[in-house]
């Protein structure tokens, strides 16, 4: 009988890696990233360099805030819209007359008990003319959207 030179040890085998909890871990990571990721709501078609202010206040419930952007068109949209200040509602350039419909549709999307708390935040480019801002505010009054805020950047005080 020919014996082998190397013999396998019978009792000291390492157990395989337990992968039974791997799907649970992947699901938890997937759920975390779905909840933690913030998607961009609008792609800007107007320039939006905000003015600076010293007294600013953070908005509390951003789900109740609807944004109106005012400014000159981005460079890629100058041929299409010209160089004058434009109004952007969600993802589209709009006219003054469309603001009322925008307010109605945004109000309708909210729960009935939250509709009276809806705020309009005007994100106006610092180089924009005051005339278009006044026209937007007049349309907001007609639509009974009276809670208006102005977006700005915090000014760094230098002493």
Protein backbone atom coordinates (compact mmCIF):
# COMPACT_ATOMS: atom_id res chain seq x y z
CA UNK A 1 0.00 0.00 0.00
CA UNK A 2 1.36 3.31 -1.03
CA UNK A 3 0.86 6.08 1.55
CA UNK A 4 0.57 9.72 0.67
CA UNK A 5 3.16 12.12 1.90
CA UNK A 6 0.70 14.91 2.72
CA UNK A 7 -2.44 14.17 4.65
CA UNK A 8 -5.44 16.42 5.02
CA UNK A 9 -6.46 17.28 8.53
CA UNK A 10 -10.03 16.28 9.13
CA UNK A 11 -11.06 18.45 12.11
CA UNK A 12 -9.58 21.91 11.45
CA UNK A 13 -11.48 23.30 8.43
CA UNK A 14 -12.49 26.96 8.44
CA UNK A 15 -16.20 27.54 8.02
CA UNK A 16 -17.44 29.60 5.04
CA UNK A 17 -18.52 33.23 5.43
CA UNK A 18 -22.15 33.54 6.43
CA UNK A 19 -23.89 35.72 3.81
CA UNK A 20 -27.45 35.33 5.05
CA UNK A 21 -27.60 38.92 6.36
CA UNK A 22 -26.11 40.46 3.19
CA UNK A 23 -29.51 41.25 1.54
CA UNK A 24 -30.64 42.98 4.75
CA UNK A 25 -27.54 45.17 4.82
CA UNK A 26 -27.93 46.09 1.14
CA UNK A 27 -31.60 46.96 1.69
CA UNK A 28 -30.76 49.19 4.67
CA UNK A 29 -28.07 51.03 2.67
CA UNK A 30 -30.43 51.47 -0.27
CA UNK A 31 -33.17 52.81 1.98
CA UNK A 32 -30.74 55.21 3.70
CA UNK A 33 -29.54 56.70 0.40
CA UNK A 34 -33.09 57.01 -0.92
CA UNK A 35 -34.13 58.98 2.16
CA UNK A 36 -30.97 61.06 2.51
CA UNK A 37 -30.60 62.09 -1.13
CA UNK A 38 -32.01 65.48 -2.09
CA UNK A 39 -32.99 65.78 -5.71
CA UNK A 40 -32.68 69.11 -7.44
CA UNK A 41 -36.18 70.46 -7.98
CA UNK A 42 -35.59 72.91 -10.80
CA UNK A 43 -32.91 73.57 -13.33
CA UNK A 44 -32.33 77.29 -13.58
CA UNK A 45 -32.80 79.02 -16.89
CA UNK A 46 -32.21 82.49 -15.40
CA UNK A 47 -29.14 83.84 -13.67
CA UNK A 48 -29.56 83.88 -9.95
CA UNK A 49 -26.84 85.77 -8.16
CA UNK A 50 -28.57 86.67 -4.91
CA UNK A 51 -27.99 89.99 -3.13
CA UNK A 52 -26.33 90.06 0.29
CA UNK A 53 -28.11 90.97 3.51
CA UNK A 54 -27.13 91.30 7.16
CA UNK A 55 -30.43 90.33 8.78
CA UNK A 56 -31.53 87.00 7.37
CA UNK A 57 -33.81 84.31 8.71
CA UNK A 58 -33.96 80.65 7.69
CA UNK A 59 -37.28 79.30 6.48
CA UNK A 60 -38.68 76.62 8.76
CA UNK A 61 -40.97 74.43 6.65
CA UNK A 62 -39.52 74.40 3.14
CA UNK A 63 -42.25 72.14 1.82
CA UNK A 64 -44.61 75.12 2.03
CA UNK A 65 -42.25 77.44 0.13
CA UNK A 66 -42.72 77.90 -3.61
CA UNK A 67 -40.00 79.68 -5.56
CA UNK A 68 -40.21 82.32 -8.28
CA UNK A 69 -36.90 83.09 -9.99
CA UNK A 70 -36.33 86.47 -11.65
CA UNK A 71 -33.26 87.42 -13.63
CA UNK A 72 -31.66 87.61 -17.06
CA UNK A 73 -31.55 84.31 -18.98
CA UNK A 74 -28.53 82.04 -18.65
CA UNK A 75 -26.02 82.39 -21.49
CA UNK A 76 -27.33 79.28 -23.28
CA UNK A 77 -30.88 80.74 -23.39
CA UNK A 78 -30.02 84.28 -24.55
CA UNK A 79 -30.83 83.51 -28.21
CA UNK A 80 -34.20 82.07 -27.24
CA UNK A 81 -35.32 84.61 -24.61
CA UNK A 82 -33.18 87.72 -25.19
CA UNK A 83 -31.27 89.61 -22.52
CA UNK A 84 -34.15 91.21 -20.56
CA UNK A 85 -35.13 89.91 -17.14
CA UNK A 86 -37.37 86.85 -17.20
CA UNK A 87 -39.56 85.01 -14.72
CA UNK A 88 -39.06 81.30 -14.10
CA UNK A 89 -41.79 79.20 -12.49
CA UNK A 90 -40.60 75.66 -11.73
CA UNK A 91 -38.67 74.60 -14.86
CA UNK A 92 -40.21 76.99 -17.39
CA UNK A 93 -39.81 80.62 -18.35
CA UNK A 94 -43.20 82.26 -17.85
CA UNK A 95 -44.97 85.55 -18.36
CA UNK A 96 -46.51 87.78 -15.71
CA UNK A 97 -49.99 86.49 -16.57
CA UNK A 98 -49.07 82.88 -15.72
CA UNK A 99 -48.29 83.62 -12.07
CA UNK A 100 -51.93 83.31 -10.96
CA UNK A 101 -52.25 79.83 -12.49
CA UNK A 102 -48.93 78.83 -10.93
CA UNK A 103 -50.14 79.88 -7.47
CA UNK A 104 -53.45 78.03 -7.92
CA UNK A 105 -51.76 74.81 -9.01
CA UNK A 106 -49.19 74.94 -6.19
CA UNK A 107 -51.95 75.57 -3.64
CA UNK A 108 -54.00 72.69 -4.99
CA UNK A 109 -51.01 70.35 -4.52
CA UNK A 110 -50.89 71.12 -0.78
CA UNK A 111 -53.07 69.63 1.93
CA UNK A 112 -56.11 71.85 2.63
CA UNK A 113 -54.99 72.66 6.19
CA UNK A 114 -51.55 73.85 4.92
CA UNK A 115 -52.72 76.03 2.02
CA UNK A 116 -53.00 79.23 4.04
CA UNK A 117 -49.37 78.82 5.18
CA UNK A 118 -47.87 78.62 1.68
CA UNK A 119 -45.05 81.13 1.19
CA UNK A 120 -43.63 82.53 -2.02
CA UNK A 121 -39.89 83.07 -2.05
CA UNK A 122 -38.66 85.52 -4.67
CA UNK A 123 -35.15 84.62 -5.79
CA UNK A 124 -34.25 87.78 -7.66
CA UNK A 125 -30.90 88.29 -9.37
CA UNK A 126 -29.10 91.26 -7.84
CA UNK A 127 -28.81 92.94 -11.26
CA UNK A 128 -32.57 92.73 -12.01
CA UNK A 129 -34.74 95.80 -12.41
CA UNK A 130 -37.30 96.62 -9.75
CA UNK A 131 -40.13 96.98 -12.30
CA UNK A 132 -40.45 93.26 -12.98
CA UNK A 133 -40.35 92.52 -9.24
CA UNK A 134 -43.19 95.02 -8.67
CA UNK A 135 -45.22 93.41 -11.46
CA UNK A 136 -44.73 89.96 -9.91
CA UNK A 137 -45.78 91.26 -6.49
CA UNK A 138 -48.95 92.78 -8.01
CA UNK A 139 -49.86 89.42 -9.57
CA UNK A 140 -49.19 87.67 -6.25
CA UNK A 141 -51.60 90.08 -4.54
CA UNK A 142 -54.28 89.30 -7.14
CA UNK A 143 -53.75 85.57 -6.50
CA UNK A 144 -54.02 86.19 -2.74
CA UNK A 145 -50.47 84.97 -2.12
CA UNK A 146 -49.50 87.47 0.55
CA UNK A 147 -46.74 85.60 2.41
CA UNK A 148 -43.69 86.69 0.40
CA UNK A 149 -40.02 86.36 1.27
CA UNK A 150 -36.90 87.50 -0.55
CA UNK A 151 -33.98 85.11 -0.82
CA UNK A 152 -30.51 86.50 -0.10
CA UNK A 153 -27.02 85.48 0.90
CA UNK A 154 -25.55 86.32 4.29
CA UNK A 155 -23.19 89.28 4.17
CA UNK A 156 -19.92 88.84 5.98
CA UNK A 157 -19.37 91.78 8.27
CA UNK A 158 -15.88 93.26 8.13
CA UNK A 159 -14.92 95.49 11.05
